[in-house]
Amino acid sequence: MKRYIIFNPAAGSVTDRKELLSALARLEPAKLRLTKKRGDAERWTREAIKTKSDFIAVAGGDGTLNEVVNGLAKAARRPRVGLIPLGTGNDFARTLGLPSSLEENIDILKSAAKTAPVDLVRVTSKRRIRYFVNVSAGGFSGLVDKKTTRKVKRTWGPLAYVRGAAAALPNLHAYRTKIKLDDDKEFAAELFNVVIANGRFVAHGLPIAPTADPGDGLLDVVLIPKVRGPELVLLAAEIVLGKHVSSSDAVLRRAKKVAVRSNPGMWFNVDGELIGNAPAVFQIMPRALNFVVR
């Protein structure tokens, strides 16, 4: 097996580069590349494809994985993908049910006994075309992320998101939004947030789409309508617990294609990177990738 390893030594949980390199050597890679700057993982992925590697192991966080996914998206032949979660969030690894232990993940990739098909999502905006496997969010979530500082996370723990939502309230505004799901009629709503999910988790384990299946050929769409401040903070608490799927304040839908228009144009991000603003179209690419799983 020609394993090609892409390792991000700056990933959030990396403390001992030498120890990690020693562990990665157990995979007997045909090539091991280290990233130094944004875009390197995408570039190394394209190199792996050219060298006809049949297995790319991603040793890094969600951001590194996102670059690898974008390197694979347009390839005629896509190698299997293995994941060694080394980031601070590791949200997609949670969706795949991967362990937190480095050694356990090395063992999984060494045997590569089991794989699972994973959908890829293409998002087209005026700015560019990008791809992702996890979650894209537009609207108030960006403000909440800014307010949820490291100090807040240390102090509030699992409730940090709720604290961030409360701090963001004075700066929130609704978006006059039009949504079209597949070929259904477009509908309008005043929204604080639009979430397009293929994976289940964001923001270091927040279950934004707790029933999402990354291999079912469908996007999970979570719409947060304009509500009063206290109701929004309560909804944020429900999101932390994964209870918003039954909340009367959240709207959940599933579709293969989602078109979003808004005024003002809400910006969407995926894995911390802005990918463009509305209008934007999200399109599922069913089972486009193959991931090694436990």
Protein backbone atom coordinates (compact mmCIF):
# COMPACT_ATOMS: atom_id res chain seq x y z
CA MET A 1 0.00 0.00 0.00
CA LYS A 2 1.41 3.39 -1.03
CA ARG A 3 0.62 5.56 1.98
CA TYR A 4 1.15 9.28 1.58
CA ILE A 5 1.10 11.17 4.89
CA ILE A 6 0.33 14.88 5.20
CA PHE A 7 1.27 16.13 8.68
CA ASN A 8 0.49 19.56 10.09
CA PRO A 9 2.99 20.11 12.93
CA ALA A 10 1.15 23.30 13.94
CA ALA A 11 -2.13 21.46 14.63
CA GLY A 12 -3.72 22.40 17.94
CA SER A 13 -2.93 19.29 19.99
CA VAL A 14 0.64 18.75 18.74
CA THR A 15 3.10 19.15 21.62
CA ASP A 16 5.95 16.83 20.64
CA ARG A 17 6.78 16.80 16.93
CA LYS A 18 9.52 14.19 17.33
CA GLU A 19 7.17 11.77 19.10
CA LEU A 20 4.52 12.22 16.43
CA LEU A 21 6.95 11.65 13.59
CA SER A 22 8.06 8.44 15.30
CA ALA A 23 4.44 7.30 15.57
CA LEU A 24 3.71 8.16 11.93
CA ALA A 25 6.73 6.12 10.86
CA ARG A 26 4.80 3.02 11.96
CA LEU A 27 2.65 3.50 8.86
CA GLU A 28 5.71 3.00 6.65
CA PRO A 29 4.78 5.89 4.36
CA ALA A 30 5.96 6.10 0.80
CA LYS A 31 6.14 9.86 1.39
CA LEU A 32 5.65 12.12 4.41
CA ARG A 33 5.04 15.82 3.84
CA LEU A 34 4.89 18.53 6.52
CA THR A 35 2.79 21.64 6.03
CA LYS A 36 4.29 25.05 6.74
CA LYS A 37 1.64 27.43 5.48
CA ARG A 38 -1.97 27.56 4.32
CA GLY A 39 -2.46 25.73 1.04
CA ASP A 40 0.36 23.22 1.55
CA ALA A 41 -1.96 20.30 2.39
CA GLU A 42 -3.95 20.91 -0.79
CA ARG A 43 -0.74 21.04 -2.82
CA TRP A 44 0.65 17.85 -1.26
CA THR A 45 -2.66 16.10 -1.96
CA ARG A 46 -2.35 16.88 -5.65
CA GLU A 47 1.21 15.55 -5.56
CA ALA A 48 -0.01 12.33 -3.91
CA ILE A 49 -2.54 11.87 -6.71
CA LYS A 50 0.15 12.38 -9.35
CA THR A 51 2.38 9.77 -7.69
CA LYS A 52 -0.57 7.32 -7.76
CA SER A 53 -0.74 6.91 -4.00
CA ASP A 54 -3.74 4.83 -3.01
CA PHE A 55 -3.99 6.11 0.57
CA ILE A 56 -3.63 9.62 2.00
CA ALA A 57 -3.30 9.85 5.78
CA VAL A 58 -4.16 13.31 7.15
CA ALA A 59 -2.39 14.03 10.44
CA GLY A 60 -3.88 17.33 11.52
CA GLY A 61 -7.11 19.11 12.39
CA ASP A 62 -10.30 19.96 10.54
CA GLY A 63 -8.58 22.76 8.61
CA THR A 64 -5.90 20.41 7.27
CA LEU A 65 -8.57 17.88 6.32
CA ASN A 66 -10.50 20.58 4.48
CA GLU A 67 -7.45 21.40 2.36
CA VAL A 68 -6.94 17.73 1.53
CA VAL A 69 -10.60 17.40 0.54
CA ASN A 70 -10.22 20.35 -1.82
CA GLY A 71 -7.13 18.76 -3.32
CA LEU A 72 -9.10 15.58 -3.98
CA ALA A 73 -12.36 17.12 -5.20
CA LYS A 74 -11.55 17.45 -8.89
CA ALA A 75 -9.39 14.34 -9.22
CA ALA A 76 -10.50 11.59 -11.58
CA ARG A 77 -9.10 8.99 -9.19
CA ARG A 78 -9.42 9.67 -5.47
CA PRO A 79 -7.27 7.73 -2.99
CA ARG A 80 -8.70 6.51 0.29
CA VAL A 81 -8.46 9.01 3.13
CA GLY A 82 -7.30 8.21 6.64
CA LEU A 83 -7.51 10.66 9.52
CA ILE A 84 -5.27 11.11 12.54
CA PRO A 85 -7.08 13.86 14.49
CA LEU A 86 -4.51 16.29 15.90
CA GLY A 87 -6.51 19.53 15.96
CA THR A 88 -8.23 21.29 18.82
CA GLY A 89 -11.73 20.55 17.52
CA ASN A 90 -11.47 17.34 15.46
CA ASP A 91 -15.17 17.66 14.69
CA PHE A 92 -15.28 15.42 11.63
CA ALA A 93 -13.31 12.72 13.44
CA ARG A 94 -16.11 12.75 16.02
CA THR A 95 -18.68 12.18 13.29
CA LEU A 96 -16.65 9.22 12.01
CA GLY A 97 -16.45 7.81 15.55
CA LEU A 98 -12.63 7.79 15.62
CA PRO A 99 -10.85 7.41 18.96
CA SER A 100 -8.89 10.23 20.61
CA SER A 101 -5.79 8.11 21.14
CA LEU A 102 -2.92 8.61 18.69
CA GLU A 103 -1.84 4.97 18.90
CA GLU A 104 -5.36 3.66 18.28
CA ASN A 105 -5.69 5.82 15.18
CA ILE A 106 -2.32 4.64 13.91
CA ASP A 107 -3.49 1.03 14.37
CA ILE A 108 -6.70 1.76 12.44
CA LEU A 109 -4.78 3.24 9.51
CA LYS A 110 -2.14 0.51 9.57
CA SER A 111 -4.74 -2.21 9.10
CA ALA A 112 -7.11 -0.09 6.93
CA ALA A 113 -9.52 -2.98 7.29
CA LYS A 114 -12.73 -0.97 7.13
CA THR A 115 -13.77 1.97 4.97
CA ALA A 116 -16.92 4.07 4.66
CA PRO A 117 -18.17 6.22 1.77
CA VAL A 118 -18.48 9.91 2.60
CA ASP A 119 -20.38 12.60 0.72
CA LEU A 120 -18.55 15.68 -0.51
CA VAL A 121 -20.21 19.11 -0.61
CA ARG A 122 -19.55 21.69 -3.30
CA VAL A 123 -20.38 25.30 -2.46
CA THR A 124 -20.50 27.89 -5.21
CA SER A 125 -20.53 31.60 -4.40
CA LYS A 126 -19.63 34.74 -6.31
CA ARG A 127 -16.23 34.57 -4.70
CA ARG A 128 -15.23 30.99 -5.63
CA ILE A 129 -16.00 27.27 -5.56
CA ARG A 130 -14.96 25.30 -2.48
CA TYR A 131 -15.58 21.82 -1.11
CA PHE A 132 -16.07 20.41 2.37
CA VAL A 133 -17.10 17.27 4.24
CA ASN A 134 -18.12 18.73 7.57
CA VAL A 135 -20.19 21.90 8.13
CA SER A 136 -20.60 25.38 6.65
CA ALA A 137 -22.33 28.12 8.66
CA GLY A 138 -23.45 31.63 7.80
CA GLY A 139 -24.89 34.38 9.96
CA PHE A 140 -24.58 34.90 13.69
CA SER A 141 -22.29 31.92 14.30
CA GLY A 142 -19.31 34.00 13.20
CA LEU A 143 -20.10 36.62 15.85
CA VAL A 144 -20.54 33.92 18.49
CA ASP A 145 -17.16 32.42 17.57
CA LYS A 146 -15.49 35.81 18.08
CA LYS A 147 -17.06 36.19 21.52
CA THR A 148 -16.20 32.64 22.54
CA THR A 149 -12.58 33.37 23.40
CA ARG A 150 -10.09 30.88 24.84
CA LYS A 151 -10.59 32.47 28.25
CA VAL A 152 -14.37 31.99 27.97
CA LYS A 153 -13.85 28.36 26.92
CA ARG A 154 -11.59 27.70 29.93
CA THR A 155 -14.02 29.39 32.34
CA TRP A 156 -17.34 28.14 30.97
CA GLY A 157 -16.36 24.76 29.55
CA PRO A 158 -19.26 23.13 27.62
CA LEU A 159 -21.39 26.24 28.19
CA ALA A 160 -18.91 28.55 26.44
CA TYR A 161 -21.10 28.63 23.31
CA VAL A 162 -24.05 29.84 25.39
CA ARG A 163 -21.86 32.53 26.95
CA GLY A 164 -20.66 33.55 23.49
CA ALA A 165 -24.22 33.79 22.20
CA ALA A 166 -25.18 36.04 25.11
CA ALA A 167 -22.16 38.30 24.51
CA ALA A 168 -22.97 38.55 20.79
CA LEU A 169 -26.57 39.67 21.30
CA PRO A 170 -25.95 43.45 21.08
CA ASN A 171 -24.36 43.02 17.63
CA LEU A 172 -26.83 40.58 16.12
CA HIS A 173 -29.01 41.38 13.17
CA ALA A 174 -31.33 39.22 11.11
CA TYR A 175 -30.88 38.43 7.44
CA ARG A 176 -33.79 38.65 5.01
CA THR A 177 -33.17 35.25 3.51
CA LYS A 178 -34.54 33.20 0.63
CA ILE A 179 -33.93 29.46 0.64
CA LYS A 180 -34.54 26.91 -2.09
CA LEU A 181 -34.28 23.20 -1.29
CA ASP A 182 -33.81 20.96 -4.33
CA ASP A 183 -36.58 21.82 -6.82
CA ASP A 184 -39.06 23.03 -4.22
CA LYS A 185 -40.47 26.52 -4.27
CA GLU A 186 -38.21 29.18 -2.79
CA PHE A 187 -39.32 30.42 0.64
CA ALA A 188 -38.42 33.57 2.57
CA ALA A 189 -37.60 34.01 6.26
CA GLU A 190 -35.91 36.38 8.69
CA LEU A 191 -32.94 34.33 9.89
CA PHE A 192 -30.06 34.75 12.28
CA ASN A 193 -28.21 31.71 11.01
CA VAL A 194 -28.05 29.13 8.21
CA VAL A 195 -26.11 25.91 8.76
CA ILE A 196 -25.40 23.44 5.96
CA ALA A 197 -24.21 20.20 7.54
CA ASN A 198 -22.74 16.97 6.23
CA GLY A 199 -21.07 16.13 9.55
CA ARG A 200 -22.60 16.42 13.00
CA PHE A 201 -20.27 18.66 14.97
CA VAL A 202 -18.75 22.15 14.91
CA ALA A 203 -16.85 24.37 17.36
CA HIS A 204 -15.04 21.61 19.25
CA GLY A 205 -17.87 19.13 19.60
CA LEU A 206 -21.03 21.22 19.37
CA PRO A 207 -23.74 18.85 17.99
CA ILE A 208 -25.21 21.28 15.45
CA ALA A 209 -26.67 18.47 13.29
CA PRO A 210 -26.82 15.48 15.67
CA THR A 211 -28.64 13.18 13.24
CA ALA A 212 -26.54 13.95 10.16
CA ASP A 213 -25.12 11.00 8.24
CA PRO A 214 -22.13 11.95 6.04
CA GLY A 215 -22.85 9.09 3.67
CA ASP A 216 -26.61 9.39 3.13
CA GLY A 217 -26.49 11.67 0.06
CA LEU A 218 -28.30 14.48 1.88
CA LEU A 219 -27.43 17.79 3.48
CA ASP A 220 -28.85 18.60 6.91
CA VAL A 221 -30.05 22.22 6.87
CA VAL A 222 -30.45 24.02 10.21
CA LEU A 223 -32.19 27.41 10.12
CA ILE A 224 -32.20 29.70 13.16
CA PRO A 225 -35.03 32.24 12.75
CA LYS A 226 -35.06 35.73 14.20
CA VAL A 227 -36.11 35.46 17.84
CA ARG A 228 -35.81 37.69 20.89
CA GLY A 229 -32.52 37.73 22.84
CA PRO A 230 -33.58 35.49 25.75
CA GLU A 231 -35.03 32.89 23.36
CA LEU A 232 -31.80 32.91 21.34
CA VAL A 233 -29.65 32.24 24.40
CA LEU A 234 -32.02 29.41 25.38
CA LEU A 235 -31.75 28.01 21.86
CA ALA A 236 -27.94 28.18 22.11
CA ALA A 237 -28.18 26.08 25.28
CA GLU A 238 -30.36 23.56 23.45
CA ILE A 239 -27.77 23.37 20.66
CA VAL A 240 -25.05 22.56 23.22
CA LEU A 241 -27.19 19.62 24.37
CA GLY A 242 -28.22 18.60 20.86
CA LYS A 243 -31.86 19.25 21.79
CA HIS A 244 -32.59 21.92 19.17
CA VAL A 245 -33.77 19.27 16.68
CA SER A 246 -37.05 19.19 18.62
CA SER A 247 -37.16 22.92 19.39
CA SER A 248 -39.93 25.07 18.00
CA ASP A 249 -37.37 27.85 17.43
CA ALA A 250 -35.17 25.93 14.98
CA VAL A 251 -36.10 24.69 11.50
CA LEU A 252 -34.49 21.51 10.20
CA ARG A 253 -34.68 20.22 6.64
CA ARG A 254 -32.80 17.77 4.38
CA ALA A 255 -31.95 18.24 0.72
CA LYS A 256 -29.44 17.37 -1.97
CA LYS A 257 -29.10 20.97 -3.08
CA VAL A 258 -29.57 24.21 -1.14
CA ALA A 259 -29.58 27.71 -2.62
CA VAL A 260 -29.28 30.69 -0.25
CA ARG A 261 -29.87 34.36 -0.97
CA SER A 262 -29.90 37.04 1.72
CA ASN A 263 -29.90 40.75 2.37
CA PRO A 264 -27.39 41.66 3.62
CA GLY A 265 -25.36 38.85 2.08
CA MET A 266 -24.36 36.54 4.92
CA TRP A 267 -20.82 35.21 4.86
CA PHE A 268 -20.32 31.46 5.09
CA ASN A 269 -17.34 29.77 6.68
CA VAL A 270 -16.15 26.20 6.83
CA ASP A 271 -13.53 25.03 9.31
CA GLY A 272 -12.70 28.64 10.16
CA GLU A 273 -12.20 29.79 6.57
CA LEU A 274 -14.53 32.23 4.84
CA ILE A 275 -15.66 30.63 1.61
CA GLY A 276 -17.85 33.41 0.22
CA ASN A 277 -21.11 35.19 0.84
CA ALA A 278 -24.69 34.71 -0.30
CA PRO A 279 -25.92 34.06 -2.88
CA ALA A 280 -24.45 30.60 -2.47
CA VAL A 281 -25.41 27.15 -3.71
CA PHE A 282 -24.56 23.95 -1.81
CA GLN A 283 -24.63 20.70 -3.80
CA ILE A 284 -24.07 17.18 -2.46
CA MET A 285 -21.65 14.89 -4.30
CA PRO A 286 -22.81 11.48 -3.02
CA ARG A 287 -20.17 9.07 -1.75
CA ALA A 288 -17.41 10.92 -3.53
CA LEU A 289 -14.74 10.00 -0.95
CA ASN A 290 -13.77 6.84 0.89
CA PHE A 291 -12.59 7.17 4.51
CA VAL A 292 -10.82 4.58 6.63
CA VAL A 293 -12.86 4.08 9.82
CA ARG A 294 -12.78 1.97 12.97
